[in-house]
Amino acid sequence: MLINNKDIYSILKIASIGIIAFAIHFILLHFFSRYLYAPDLILIHPFLLGITIIAVLAIKIIFRKAKFQMHGYAFLISSLVKMFLSLFFLLPVFQNDSLFKKEYIIQFFVIYFIYLISEVYYLVQDFKNEKI
């Protein structure tokens, strides 16, 4: 089986971090809307949560199927794919001459790094508990 109960538990932990990050971002946007304008706030969090969950599942499947030396490469490849997908997601913002372009991109990458930190934390926790 590719996905077990432990994987589902990891996905739920990452999703709970994503929901908390979305709630905090939404509250900050509500109180500081003059400085933190993000027109597509609804799209940023699900996009990053989705690619983070897919990356975690892919790394865990590779961890089960491949030899131990492949884990670093799997994480590196998944991180590069996530970066390229993020750049394609931001491409319309880069091409647009919006007034709040810089603020939007900064918010996107702050959220990106929150998801990246949670991904690394849970992967390290899971790999520490696995028997090699």
N, C-alpha and C. Protein backbone atom coordinates (compact mmCIF):
# COMPACT_ATOMS: atom_id res chain seq x y z
N MET A 1 0.85 -1.18 0.00
CA MET A 1 0.00 0.00 0.00
C MET A 1 0.89 1.24 0.00
N LEU A 2 0.57 2.19 -0.83
CA LEU A 2 1.41 3.39 -0.95
C LEU A 2 1.23 4.36 0.21
N ILE A 3 0.00 4.52 0.68
CA ILE A 3 -0.28 5.46 1.75
C ILE A 3 -0.85 4.68 2.93
N ASN A 4 -0.24 4.87 4.11
CA ASN A 4 -0.76 4.20 5.30
C ASN A 4 -1.32 5.23 6.28
N ASN A 5 -1.73 4.78 7.44
CA ASN A 5 -2.34 5.67 8.43
C ASN A 5 -1.37 6.72 8.93
N LYS A 6 -0.09 6.37 9.04
CA LYS A 6 0.91 7.34 9.49
C LYS A 6 1.06 8.48 8.49
N ASP A 7 0.96 8.17 7.20
CA ASP A 7 1.02 9.21 6.17
C ASP A 7 -0.18 10.13 6.25
N ILE A 8 -1.34 9.55 6.48
CA ILE A 8 -2.55 10.37 6.61
C ILE A 8 -2.45 11.27 7.83
N TYR A 9 -1.88 10.76 8.90
CA TYR A 9 -1.67 11.58 10.10
C TYR A 9 -0.71 12.74 9.81
N SER A 10 0.35 12.48 9.05
CA SER A 10 1.29 13.55 8.67
C SER A 10 0.61 14.60 7.80
N ILE A 11 -0.23 14.14 6.88
CA ILE A 11 -0.96 15.07 6.02
C ILE A 11 -1.89 15.94 6.86
N LEU A 12 -2.56 15.33 7.84
CA LEU A 12 -3.44 16.11 8.70
C LEU A 12 -2.67 17.12 9.54
N LYS A 13 -1.47 16.77 9.98
CA LYS A 13 -0.65 17.72 10.74
C LYS A 13 -0.24 18.90 9.86
N ILE A 14 0.19 18.61 8.64
CA ILE A 14 0.58 19.69 7.74
C ILE A 14 -0.63 20.53 7.36
N ALA A 15 -1.77 19.89 7.15
CA ALA A 15 -2.99 20.63 6.82
C ALA A 15 -3.42 21.52 7.99
N SER A 16 -3.24 21.04 9.22
CA SER A 16 -3.60 21.89 10.37
C SER A 16 -2.68 23.10 10.47
N ILE A 17 -1.41 22.92 10.17
CA ILE A 17 -0.49 24.08 10.11
C ILE A 17 -0.94 25.03 9.02
N GLY A 18 -1.36 24.50 7.88
CA GLY A 18 -1.85 25.33 6.79
C GLY A 18 -3.10 26.11 7.15
N ILE A 19 -4.02 25.46 7.86
CA ILE A 19 -5.24 26.14 8.28
C ILE A 19 -4.93 27.24 9.28
N ILE A 20 -4.02 26.97 10.20
CA ILE A 20 -3.62 27.99 11.18
C ILE A 20 -2.92 29.16 10.47
N ALA A 21 -2.04 28.85 9.51
CA ALA A 21 -1.35 29.91 8.76
C ALA A 21 -2.36 30.74 7.96
N PHE A 22 -3.35 30.09 7.36
CA PHE A 22 -4.38 30.81 6.63
C PHE A 22 -5.18 31.72 7.56
N ALA A 23 -5.55 31.21 8.73
CA ALA A 23 -6.34 32.01 9.69
C ALA A 23 -5.54 33.23 10.15
N ILE A 24 -4.28 33.03 10.48
CA ILE A 24 -3.43 34.15 10.92
C ILE A 24 -3.27 35.16 9.79
N HIS A 25 -3.04 34.67 8.58
CA HIS A 25 -2.88 35.56 7.44
C HIS A 25 -4.17 36.33 7.17
N PHE A 26 -5.30 35.66 7.27
CA PHE A 26 -6.59 36.31 7.04
C PHE A 26 -6.86 37.39 8.10
N ILE A 27 -6.55 37.09 9.35
CA ILE A 27 -6.74 38.08 10.43
C ILE A 27 -5.82 39.27 10.23
N LEU A 28 -4.55 39.01 9.91
CA LEU A 28 -3.62 40.12 9.65
C LEU A 28 -4.07 40.95 8.46
N LEU A 29 -4.57 40.28 7.44
CA LEU A 29 -5.07 41.00 6.26
C LEU A 29 -6.28 41.86 6.62
N HIS A 30 -7.10 41.36 7.50
CA HIS A 30 -8.29 42.12 7.92
C HIS A 30 -7.89 43.38 8.70
N PHE A 31 -6.94 43.25 9.62
CA PHE A 31 -6.56 44.39 10.44
C PHE A 31 -5.57 45.33 9.75
N PHE A 32 -4.74 44.81 8.88
CA PHE A 32 -3.73 45.62 8.20
C PHE A 32 -3.94 45.59 6.69
N SER A 33 -5.16 45.72 6.25
CA SER A 33 -5.46 45.60 4.82
C SER A 33 -4.81 46.71 4.00
N ARG A 34 -4.50 47.79 4.64
CA ARG A 34 -3.85 48.89 3.92
C ARG A 34 -2.43 48.53 3.51
N TYR A 35 -1.77 47.69 4.31
CA TYR A 35 -0.37 47.35 4.05
C TYR A 35 -0.19 45.94 3.49
N LEU A 36 -1.14 45.06 3.73
CA LEU A 36 -1.00 43.66 3.34
C LEU A 36 -2.03 43.26 2.30
N TYR A 37 -2.16 43.99 1.25
CA TYR A 37 -3.15 43.69 0.23
C TYR A 37 -2.73 42.44 -0.55
N ALA A 38 -3.61 41.45 -0.61
CA ALA A 38 -3.38 40.24 -1.40
C ALA A 38 -4.68 39.84 -2.06
N PRO A 39 -4.84 40.14 -3.34
CA PRO A 39 -6.13 39.89 -3.99
C PRO A 39 -6.48 38.41 -4.12
N ASP A 40 -5.51 37.55 -4.26
CA ASP A 40 -5.78 36.12 -4.43
C ASP A 40 -5.38 35.32 -3.21
N LEU A 41 -5.69 35.82 -2.06
CA LEU A 41 -5.35 35.13 -0.81
C LEU A 41 -5.97 33.75 -0.76
N ILE A 42 -7.16 33.62 -1.30
CA ILE A 42 -7.86 32.34 -1.29
C ILE A 42 -7.10 31.30 -2.13
N LEU A 43 -6.35 31.73 -3.13
CA LEU A 43 -5.65 30.79 -4.01
C LEU A 43 -4.26 30.41 -3.51
N ILE A 44 -3.62 31.27 -2.76
CA ILE A 44 -2.23 31.02 -2.34
C ILE A 44 -2.14 29.81 -1.42
N HIS A 45 -2.92 29.80 -0.36
CA HIS A 45 -2.81 28.74 0.65
C HIS A 45 -3.18 27.36 0.11
N PRO A 46 -4.30 27.19 -0.61
CA PRO A 46 -4.58 25.84 -1.14
C PRO A 46 -3.52 25.36 -2.13
N PHE A 47 -2.99 26.28 -2.94
CA PHE A 47 -1.94 25.90 -3.89
C PHE A 47 -0.72 25.38 -3.15
N LEU A 48 -0.24 26.15 -2.17
CA LEU A 48 0.96 25.73 -1.44
C LEU A 48 0.70 24.50 -0.58
N LEU A 49 -0.47 24.40 0.01
CA LEU A 49 -0.80 23.21 0.79
C LEU A 49 -0.85 21.98 -0.11
N GLY A 50 -1.43 22.12 -1.28
CA GLY A 50 -1.51 20.99 -2.20
C GLY A 50 -0.15 20.49 -2.66
N ILE A 51 0.71 21.41 -3.07
CA ILE A 51 2.02 20.95 -3.54
C ILE A 51 2.88 20.45 -2.39
N THR A 52 2.67 20.96 -1.18
CA THR A 52 3.42 20.46 -0.02
C THR A 52 2.98 19.04 0.31
N ILE A 53 1.69 18.78 0.30
CA ILE A 53 1.20 17.43 0.60
C ILE A 53 1.66 16.44 -0.47
N ILE A 54 1.61 16.84 -1.73
CA ILE A 54 2.07 15.96 -2.81
C ILE A 54 3.56 15.68 -2.65
N ALA A 55 4.35 16.69 -2.29
CA ALA A 55 5.79 16.50 -2.11
C ALA A 55 6.07 15.56 -0.94
N VAL A 56 5.35 15.73 0.17
CA VAL A 56 5.56 14.87 1.34
C VAL A 56 5.22 13.42 0.99
N LEU A 57 4.11 13.22 0.32
CA LEU A 57 3.72 11.85 -0.06
C LEU A 57 4.74 11.24 -1.02
N ALA A 58 5.21 12.02 -1.98
CA ALA A 58 6.20 11.50 -2.93
C ALA A 58 7.50 11.13 -2.22
N ILE A 59 7.94 11.96 -1.30
CA ILE A 59 9.18 11.67 -0.57
C ILE A 59 9.00 10.43 0.29
N LYS A 60 7.85 10.28 0.94
CA LYS A 60 7.62 9.11 1.77
C LYS A 60 7.53 7.83 0.94
N ILE A 61 6.93 7.90 -0.24
CA ILE A 61 6.88 6.73 -1.11
C ILE A 61 8.27 6.36 -1.59
N ILE A 62 9.07 7.35 -1.95
CA ILE A 62 10.45 7.09 -2.37
C ILE A 62 11.25 6.54 -1.19
N PHE A 63 10.98 7.01 0.02
CA PHE A 63 11.66 6.50 1.21
C PHE A 63 11.39 5.01 1.39
N ARG A 64 10.18 4.59 1.11
CA ARG A 64 9.84 3.17 1.27
C ARG A 64 10.39 2.31 0.14
N LYS A 65 10.43 2.86 -1.06
CA LYS A 65 10.78 2.06 -2.23
C LYS A 65 12.27 2.05 -2.56
N ALA A 66 12.96 3.15 -2.28
CA ALA A 66 14.35 3.28 -2.74
C ALA A 66 15.33 3.00 -1.61
N LYS A 67 16.58 3.03 -1.98
CA LYS A 67 17.64 2.85 -1.00
C LYS A 67 17.80 4.12 -0.17
N PHE A 68 18.52 4.02 0.92
CA PHE A 68 18.66 5.14 1.86
C PHE A 68 19.34 6.35 1.23
N GLN A 69 20.24 6.15 0.31
CA GLN A 69 20.98 7.26 -0.28
C GLN A 69 20.13 8.17 -1.15
N MET A 70 18.92 7.78 -1.49
CA MET A 70 18.08 8.54 -2.41
C MET A 70 17.24 9.61 -1.72
N HIS A 71 17.18 9.64 -0.40
CA HIS A 71 16.27 10.54 0.29
C HIS A 71 16.62 12.01 0.10
N GLY A 72 17.89 12.32 0.17
CA GLY A 72 18.29 13.70 -0.04
C GLY A 72 17.98 14.18 -1.44
N TYR A 73 18.21 13.30 -2.41
CA TYR A 73 17.89 13.66 -3.79
C TYR A 73 16.39 13.81 -4.00
N ALA A 74 15.61 12.96 -3.35
CA ALA A 74 14.15 13.06 -3.48
C ALA A 74 13.65 14.39 -2.91
N PHE A 75 14.20 14.78 -1.76
CA PHE A 75 13.79 16.05 -1.18
C PHE A 75 14.25 17.22 -2.06
N LEU A 76 15.44 17.14 -2.58
CA LEU A 76 15.96 18.20 -3.45
C LEU A 76 15.11 18.34 -4.71
N ILE A 77 14.77 17.23 -5.33
CA ILE A 77 13.95 17.28 -6.55
C ILE A 77 12.56 17.82 -6.24
N SER A 78 11.98 17.37 -5.13
CA SER A 78 10.63 17.87 -4.79
C SER A 78 10.66 19.36 -4.47
N SER A 79 11.73 19.82 -3.84
CA SER A 79 11.85 21.25 -3.55
C SER A 79 12.00 22.07 -4.84
N LEU A 80 12.77 21.56 -5.78
CA LEU A 80 12.93 22.26 -7.06
C LEU A 80 11.62 22.30 -7.84
N VAL A 81 10.88 21.20 -7.83
CA VAL A 81 9.59 21.18 -8.52
C VAL A 81 8.64 22.16 -7.86
N LYS A 82 8.64 22.20 -6.53
CA LYS A 82 7.78 23.16 -5.83
C LYS A 82 8.16 24.60 -6.17
N MET A 83 9.45 24.88 -6.26
CA MET A 83 9.88 26.23 -6.61
C MET A 83 9.44 26.62 -8.02
N PHE A 84 9.60 25.71 -8.98
CA PHE A 84 9.18 26.01 -10.34
C PHE A 84 7.67 26.18 -10.45
N LEU A 85 6.92 25.33 -9.76
CA LEU A 85 5.47 25.49 -9.75
C LEU A 85 5.06 26.81 -9.12
N SER A 86 5.78 27.22 -8.08
CA SER A 86 5.49 28.51 -7.45
C SER A 86 5.80 29.67 -8.38
N LEU A 87 6.89 29.56 -9.13
CA LEU A 87 7.20 30.62 -10.09
C LEU A 87 6.16 30.69 -11.19
N PHE A 88 5.67 29.54 -11.65
CA PHE A 88 4.59 29.55 -12.65
C PHE A 88 3.31 30.12 -12.07
N PHE A 89 3.06 29.87 -10.79
CA PHE A 89 1.90 30.44 -10.12
C PHE A 89 2.01 31.96 -10.03
N LEU A 90 3.23 32.44 -9.81
CA LEU A 90 3.46 33.88 -9.67
C LEU A 90 3.71 34.60 -11.00
N LEU A 91 3.81 33.87 -12.08
CA LEU A 91 4.11 34.48 -13.38
C LEU A 91 3.12 35.58 -13.77
N PRO A 92 1.81 35.40 -13.59
CA PRO A 92 0.90 36.50 -13.91
C PRO A 92 1.13 37.74 -13.04
N VAL A 93 1.55 37.53 -11.82
CA VAL A 93 1.83 38.68 -10.93
C VAL A 93 3.09 39.39 -11.39
N PHE A 94 4.10 38.62 -11.81
CA PHE A 94 5.33 39.24 -12.31
C PHE A 94 5.07 40.07 -13.56
N GLN A 95 4.19 39.60 -14.43
CA GLN A 95 3.91 40.30 -15.67
C GLN A 95 2.96 41.47 -15.50
N ASN A 96 2.23 41.49 -14.42
CA ASN A 96 1.26 42.54 -14.16
C ASN A 96 1.95 43.76 -13.56
N ASP A 97 1.48 44.94 -13.90
CA ASP A 97 2.02 46.17 -13.33
C ASP A 97 1.13 46.66 -12.19
N SER A 98 0.86 45.77 -11.27
CA SER A 98 -0.01 46.08 -10.15
C SER A 98 0.72 46.97 -9.14
N LEU A 99 -0.06 47.72 -8.41
CA LEU A 99 0.48 48.61 -7.40
C LEU A 99 1.04 47.82 -6.21
N PHE A 100 0.44 46.68 -5.89
CA PHE A 100 0.83 45.89 -4.72
C PHE A 100 1.58 44.62 -5.11
N LYS A 101 2.32 44.66 -6.19
CA LYS A 101 3.03 43.49 -6.68
C LYS A 101 4.09 43.01 -5.68
N LYS A 102 4.86 43.93 -5.16
CA LYS A 102 5.93 43.58 -4.22
C LYS A 102 5.36 42.97 -2.94
N GLU A 103 4.28 43.54 -2.40
CA GLU A 103 3.67 43.03 -1.18
C GLU A 103 3.10 41.63 -1.39
N TYR A 104 2.50 41.41 -2.54
CA TYR A 104 1.93 40.10 -2.85
C TYR A 104 3.01 39.03 -2.91
N ILE A 105 4.11 39.34 -3.58
CA ILE A 105 5.20 38.37 -3.73
C ILE A 105 5.86 38.10 -2.38
N ILE A 106 6.04 39.12 -1.57
CA ILE A 106 6.62 38.91 -0.24
C ILE A 106 5.71 38.02 0.61
N GLN A 107 4.41 38.29 0.58
CA GLN A 107 3.48 37.45 1.34
C GLN A 107 3.50 36.01 0.83
N PHE A 108 3.57 35.84 -0.48
CA PHE A 108 3.60 34.49 -1.04
C PHE A 108 4.80 33.72 -0.51
N PHE A 109 5.97 34.34 -0.54
CA PHE A 109 7.16 33.60 -0.12
C PHE A 109 7.25 33.42 1.39
N VAL A 110 6.66 34.30 2.17
CA VAL A 110 6.57 34.06 3.61
C VAL A 110 5.71 32.82 3.86
N ILE A 111 4.60 32.73 3.17
CA ILE A 111 3.73 31.55 3.30
C ILE A 111 4.44 30.31 2.77
N TYR A 112 5.15 30.45 1.66
CA TYR A 112 5.92 29.33 1.09
C TYR A 112 6.90 28.77 2.11
N PHE A 113 7.62 29.66 2.80
CA PHE A 113 8.60 29.19 3.77
C PHE A 113 7.94 28.60 5.01
N ILE A 114 6.76 29.05 5.37
CA ILE A 114 6.03 28.42 6.48
C ILE A 114 5.70 26.97 6.12
N TYR A 115 5.21 26.75 4.91
CA TYR A 115 4.91 25.39 4.47
C TYR A 115 6.18 24.57 4.32
N LEU A 116 7.26 25.16 3.86
CA LEU A 116 8.52 24.45 3.71
C LEU A 116 9.06 24.02 5.07
N ILE A 117 9.01 24.90 6.05
CA ILE A 117 9.48 24.56 7.39
C ILE A 117 8.64 23.45 8.00
N SER A 118 7.32 23.52 7.83
CA SER A 118 6.48 22.44 8.36
C SER A 118 6.75 21.12 7.65
N GLU A 119 6.99 21.18 6.35
CA GLU A 119 7.31 19.96 5.60
C GLU A 119 8.60 19.33 6.10
N VAL A 120 9.64 20.14 6.25
CA VAL A 120 10.92 19.62 6.72
C VAL A 120 10.80 19.07 8.13
N TYR A 121 10.10 19.77 8.99
CA TYR A 121 9.94 19.33 10.38
C TYR A 121 9.26 17.96 10.45
N TYR A 122 8.16 17.79 9.74
CA TYR A 122 7.45 16.52 9.81
C TYR A 122 8.18 15.39 9.09
N LEU A 123 8.89 15.70 8.02
CA LEU A 123 9.68 14.66 7.37
C LEU A 123 10.83 14.21 8.26
N VAL A 124 11.50 15.13 8.91
CA VAL A 124 12.59 14.76 9.81
C VAL A 124 12.05 13.93 10.98
N GLN A 125 10.92 14.33 11.53
CA GLN A 125 10.32 13.56 12.62
C GLN A 125 9.96 12.14 12.17
N ASP A 126 9.39 12.02 11.00
CA ASP A 126 9.02 10.69 10.51
C ASP A 126 10.24 9.84 10.19
N PHE A 127 11.28 10.45 9.61
CA PHE A 127 12.46 9.67 9.26
C PHE A 127 13.27 9.29 10.49
N LYS A 128 13.20 10.07 11.54
CA LYS A 128 13.88 9.69 12.78
C LYS A 128 13.23 8.46 13.40
N ASN A 129 11.91 8.37 13.27
CA ASN A 129 11.19 7.26 13.88
C ASN A 129 11.22 5.99 13.05
N GLU A 130 11.60 6.08 11.78
CA GLU A 130 11.66 4.89 10.92
C GLU A 130 12.90 4.08 11.26
N LYS A 131 12.76 2.79 11.14
CA LYS A 131 13.90 1.90 11.35
C LYS A 131 14.59 1.69 10.02
N ILE A 132 15.88 1.93 10.02
CA ILE A 132 16.64 1.83 8.77
C ILE A 132 17.35 0.49 8.72
